[in-house]
Amino acid sequence: MESKRQQKFSRLIQKELAEIFQREVPHLFDGAYISISVVRVSPDLGVAKIYLSVMMAKNNEALLLQVRANTKTIRHLLAQRIKSQVRVIPELVFYLDDSAEYAAHMDKIFSNLDIPPASEEDNADEEDDNTYTR
């Protein structure tokens, strides 16, 4: 469980990185839309794991490699924004957030399930179980 300090620091980093990706460095990523879904910070605030949600990208893995190649630039821009609020600028580690893809995959699995309708006997048993007697 994260401490309040880690949570505040995570929110600050998430907000500032979102601004950086939207306004200052979109030209580095070929028109892909990158948003920050989650930021997790280590207890010593030295490492920030940033989970990226990507849209309109041809290849998500290649885009992640581009982001990782530009980590130094992104960290420098972050430092310029938050240097008066923090002592140490954390090391940034980027990951792809695949939770949306996972949810879509699970939804597809559930929609493809063939669940037969309940039989008359099952309905009668349920009605007997649900009756309230005193």
C-alpha atoms as a PDB file:
ATOM      1  CA  MET A   1       0.000   0.000   0.000  1.00  0.00           C
ATOM      2  CA  GLU A   2       1.319   3.388  -0.953  1.00  0.00           C
ATOM      3  CA  SER A   3       1.780   6.104   1.642  1.00  0.00           C
ATOM      4  CA  LYS A   4       0.051   9.470   1.278  1.00  0.00           C
ATOM      5  CA  ARG A   5       3.390  10.954   0.293  1.00  0.00           C
ATOM      6  CA  GLN A   6       3.828   8.423  -2.524  1.00  0.00           C
ATOM      7  CA  GLN A   7       0.264   9.007  -3.706  1.00  0.00           C
ATOM      8  CA  LYS A   8       0.731  12.794  -3.838  1.00  0.00           C
ATOM      9  CA  PHE A   9       4.030  12.404  -5.661  1.00  0.00           C
ATOM     10  CA  SER A  10       2.458   9.950  -8.127  1.00  0.00           C
ATOM     11  CA  ARG A  11      -0.381  12.356  -8.912  1.00  0.00           C
ATOM     12  CA  LEU A  12       2.075  15.218  -9.440  1.00  0.00           C
ATOM     13  CA  ILE A  13       4.193  13.159 -11.826  1.00  0.00           C
ATOM     14  CA  GLN A  14       1.122  11.869 -13.683  1.00  0.00           C
ATOM     15  CA  LYS A  15      -0.258  15.372 -14.181  1.00  0.00           C
ATOM     16  CA  GLU A  16       3.038  16.852 -15.340  1.00  0.00           C
ATOM     17  CA  LEU A  17       3.947  13.950 -17.628  1.00  0.00           C
ATOM     18  CA  ALA A  18       0.511  14.101 -19.244  1.00  0.00           C
ATOM     19  CA  GLU A  19       1.147  17.774 -20.040  1.00  0.00           C
ATOM     20  CA  ILE A  20       4.606  16.948 -21.392  1.00  0.00           C
ATOM     21  CA  PHE A  21       3.354  14.159 -23.661  1.00  0.00           C
ATOM     22  CA  GLN A  22       0.445  16.255 -24.963  1.00  0.00           C
ATOM     23  CA  ARG A  23       2.094  19.636 -25.411  1.00  0.00           C
ATOM     24  CA  GLU A  24       5.874  19.408 -25.527  1.00  0.00           C
ATOM     25  CA  VAL A  25       6.930  16.154 -27.184  1.00  0.00           C
ATOM     26  CA  PRO A  26       4.094  14.819 -29.377  1.00  0.00           C
ATOM     27  CA  HIS A  27       6.304  15.335 -32.443  1.00  0.00           C
ATOM     28  CA  LEU A  28       8.637  12.594 -31.189  1.00  0.00           C
ATOM     29  CA  PHE A  29       5.976   9.897 -31.414  1.00  0.00           C
ATOM     30  CA  ASP A  30       4.568  10.054 -34.974  1.00  0.00           C
ATOM     31  CA  GLY A  31       1.122  11.403 -34.098  1.00  0.00           C
ATOM     32  CA  ALA A  32       0.317   8.700 -31.551  1.00  0.00           C
ATOM     33  CA  TYR A  33      -1.793   9.759 -28.591  1.00  0.00           C
ATOM     34  CA  ILE A  34      -0.098   8.809 -25.312  1.00  0.00           C
ATOM     35  CA  SER A  35      -1.770   9.169 -21.947  1.00  0.00           C
ATOM     36  CA  ILE A  36      -0.526   8.258 -18.495  1.00  0.00           C
ATOM     37  CA  SER A  37      -2.828   5.687 -16.912  1.00  0.00           C
ATOM     38  CA  VAL A  38      -0.943   4.897 -13.694  1.00  0.00           C
ATOM     39  CA  VAL A  39       2.191   6.085 -11.921  1.00  0.00           C
ATOM     40  CA  ARG A  40       3.673   4.018  -9.114  1.00  0.00           C
ATOM     41  CA  VAL A  41       6.498   5.454  -7.066  1.00  0.00           C
ATOM     42  CA  SER A  42       8.995   3.564  -4.922  1.00  0.00           C
ATOM     43  CA  PRO A  43       8.963   4.305  -1.161  1.00  0.00           C
ATOM     44  CA  ASP A  44      12.154   6.380  -1.442  1.00  0.00           C
ATOM     45  CA  LEU A  45      10.620   8.344  -4.375  1.00  0.00           C
ATOM     46  CA  GLY A  46      13.666   7.481  -6.478  1.00  0.00           C
ATOM     47  CA  VAL A  47      11.942   5.392  -9.144  1.00  0.00           C
ATOM     48  CA  ALA A  48       8.641   6.052 -10.905  1.00  0.00           C
ATOM     49  CA  LYS A  49       6.995   3.296 -12.935  1.00  0.00           C
ATOM     50  CA  ILE A  50       4.821   4.940 -15.561  1.00  0.00           C
ATOM     51  CA  TYR A  51       2.126   2.944 -17.363  1.00  0.00           C
ATOM     52  CA  LEU A  52       1.244   4.381 -20.768  1.00  0.00           C
ATOM     53  CA  SER A  53      -2.025   4.010 -22.609  1.00  0.00           C
ATOM     54  CA  VAL A  54      -1.492   4.385 -26.346  1.00  0.00           C
ATOM     55  CA  MET A  55      -3.963   5.193 -29.125  1.00  0.00           C
ATOM     56  CA  MET A  56      -3.532   5.702 -32.852  1.00  0.00           C
ATOM     57  CA  ALA A  57      -0.155   3.976 -32.925  1.00  0.00           C
ATOM     58  CA  LYS A  58       0.857   1.590 -35.657  1.00  0.00           C
ATOM     59  CA  ASN A  59       2.959  -0.545 -33.318  1.00  0.00           C
ATOM     60  CA  ASN A  60       2.680  -0.140 -29.543  1.00  0.00           C
ATOM     61  CA  GLU A  61       5.939  -1.967 -28.801  1.00  0.00           C
ATOM     62  CA  ALA A  62       7.890   0.218 -31.223  1.00  0.00           C
ATOM     63  CA  LEU A  63       6.330   3.312 -29.674  1.00  0.00           C
ATOM     64  CA  LEU A  64       7.337   2.127 -26.213  1.00  0.00           C
ATOM     65  CA  LEU A  65      10.910   1.742 -27.471  1.00  0.00           C
ATOM     66  CA  GLN A  66      10.754   5.323 -28.799  1.00  0.00           C
ATOM     67  CA  VAL A  67       9.520   6.587 -25.430  1.00  0.00           C
ATOM     68  CA  ARG A  68      12.282   4.695 -23.633  1.00  0.00           C
ATOM     69  CA  ALA A  69      14.866   6.128 -26.050  1.00  0.00           C
ATOM     70  CA  ASN A  70      13.623   9.641 -25.184  1.00  0.00           C
ATOM     71  CA  THR A  71      13.472   9.043 -21.417  1.00  0.00           C
ATOM     72  CA  LYS A  72      16.349  11.440 -20.761  1.00  0.00           C
ATOM     73  CA  THR A  73      14.565  14.300 -22.568  1.00  0.00           C
ATOM     74  CA  ILE A  74      11.247  13.549 -20.862  1.00  0.00           C
ATOM     75  CA  ARG A  75      12.914  13.396 -17.432  1.00  0.00           C
ATOM     76  CA  HIS A  76      14.644  16.731 -18.090  1.00  0.00           C
ATOM     77  CA  LEU A  77      11.331  18.368 -19.029  1.00  0.00           C
ATOM     78  CA  LEU A  78       9.747  16.884 -15.897  1.00  0.00           C
ATOM     79  CA  ALA A  79      12.617  18.232 -13.792  1.00  0.00           C
ATOM     80  CA  GLN A  80      12.088  21.740 -15.140  1.00  0.00           C
ATOM     81  CA  ARG A  81       8.434  21.574 -14.096  1.00  0.00           C
ATOM     82  CA  ILE A  82       8.720  20.065 -10.602  1.00  0.00           C
ATOM     83  CA  LYS A  83      12.193  21.070  -9.384  1.00  0.00           C
ATOM     84  CA  SER A  84      10.815  23.570  -6.867  1.00  0.00           C
ATOM     85  CA  GLN A  85       8.427  20.993  -5.358  1.00  0.00           C
ATOM     86  CA  VAL A  86      10.702  17.959  -4.907  1.00  0.00           C
ATOM     87  CA  ARG A  87      14.226  17.172  -3.794  1.00  0.00           C
ATOM     88  CA  VAL A  88      14.996  14.368  -6.217  1.00  0.00           C
ATOM     89  CA  ILE A  89      13.735  13.825  -9.730  1.00  0.00           C
ATOM     90  CA  PRO A  90      12.888  10.128  -9.966  1.00  0.00           C
ATOM     91  CA  GLU A  91      14.236   7.715 -12.530  1.00  0.00           C
ATOM     92  CA  LEU A  92      11.472   7.061 -15.054  1.00  0.00           C
ATOM     93  CA  VAL A  93      10.632   3.522 -16.180  1.00  0.00           C
ATOM     94  CA  PHE A  94       7.961   3.210 -18.861  1.00  0.00           C
ATOM     95  CA  TYR A  95       5.583   0.284 -19.428  1.00  0.00           C
ATOM     96  CA  LEU A  96       2.595  -0.289 -21.692  1.00  0.00           C
ATOM     97  CA  ASP A  97      -0.723  -0.428 -19.869  1.00  0.00           C
ATOM     98  CA  ASP A  98      -2.560  -3.344 -21.389  1.00  0.00           C
ATOM     99  CA  SER A  99      -5.566  -3.326 -19.064  1.00  0.00           C
ATOM    100  CA  ALA A 100      -7.906  -2.022 -21.791  1.00  0.00           C
ATOM    101  CA  GLU A 101      -6.754  -4.732 -24.190  1.00  0.00           C
ATOM    102  CA  TYR A 102      -7.170  -7.344 -21.468  1.00  0.00           C
ATOM    103  CA  ALA A 103     -10.712  -6.129 -20.717  1.00  0.00           C
ATOM    104  CA  ALA A 104     -11.604  -6.262 -24.423  1.00  0.00           C
ATOM    105  CA  HIS A 105     -10.161  -9.769 -24.651  1.00  0.00           C
ATOM    106  CA  MET A 106     -12.177 -10.963 -21.646  1.00  0.00           C
ATOM    107  CA  ASP A 107     -15.322  -9.331 -23.042  1.00  0.00           C
ATOM    108  CA  LYS A 108     -14.791 -11.191 -26.320  1.00  0.00           C
ATOM    109  CA  ILE A 109     -14.380 -14.483 -24.441  1.00  0.00           C
ATOM    110  CA  PHE A 110     -17.569 -13.911 -22.453  1.00  0.00           C
ATOM    111  CA  SER A 111     -19.558 -12.960 -25.534  1.00  0.00           C
ATOM    112  CA  ASN A 112     -18.451 -16.143 -27.319  1.00  0.00           C
ATOM    113  CA  LEU A 113     -19.571 -18.440 -24.497  1.00  0.00           C
ATOM    114  CA  ASP A 114     -22.499 -20.679 -25.328  1.00  0.00           C
ATOM    115  CA  ILE A 115     -24.598 -20.800 -22.165  1.00  0.00           C
ATOM    116  CA  PRO A 116     -27.736 -22.891 -22.551  1.00  0.00           C
ATOM    117  CA  PRO A 117     -30.975 -21.495 -21.132  1.00  0.00           C
ATOM    118  CA  ALA A 118     -32.081 -22.786 -17.745  1.00  0.00           C
ATOM    119  CA  SER A 119     -34.387 -25.798 -17.832  1.00  0.00           C
ATOM    120  CA  GLU A 120     -37.877 -25.822 -16.344  1.00  0.00           C
ATOM    121  CA  GLU A 121     -36.721 -28.031 -13.455  1.00  0.00           C
ATOM    122  CA  ASP A 122     -34.006 -25.521 -12.480  1.00  0.00           C
ATOM    123  CA  ASN A 123     -36.545 -22.681 -12.486  1.00  0.00           C
ATOM    124  CA  ALA A 124     -38.929 -24.642 -10.261  1.00  0.00           C
ATOM    125  CA  ASP A 125     -36.124 -25.472  -7.808  1.00  0.00           C
ATOM    126  CA  GLU A 126     -35.109 -21.810  -7.614  1.00  0.00           C
ATOM    127  CA  GLU A 127     -38.686 -20.731  -6.901  1.00  0.00           C
ATOM    128  CA  ASP A 128     -38.934 -23.299  -4.082  1.00  0.00           C
ATOM    129  CA  ASP A 129     -35.645 -22.070  -2.585  1.00  0.00           C
ATOM    130  CA  ASN A 130     -36.704 -18.423  -2.745  1.00  0.00           C
ATOM    131  CA  THR A 131     -40.030 -18.842  -0.934  1.00  0.00           C
ATOM    132  CA  TYR A 132     -40.129 -17.455   2.554  1.00  0.00           C
ATOM    133  CA  THR A 133     -41.827 -19.527   5.230  1.00  0.00           C
ATOM    134  CA  ARG A 134     -42.412 -18.770   8.893  1.00  0.00           C
END
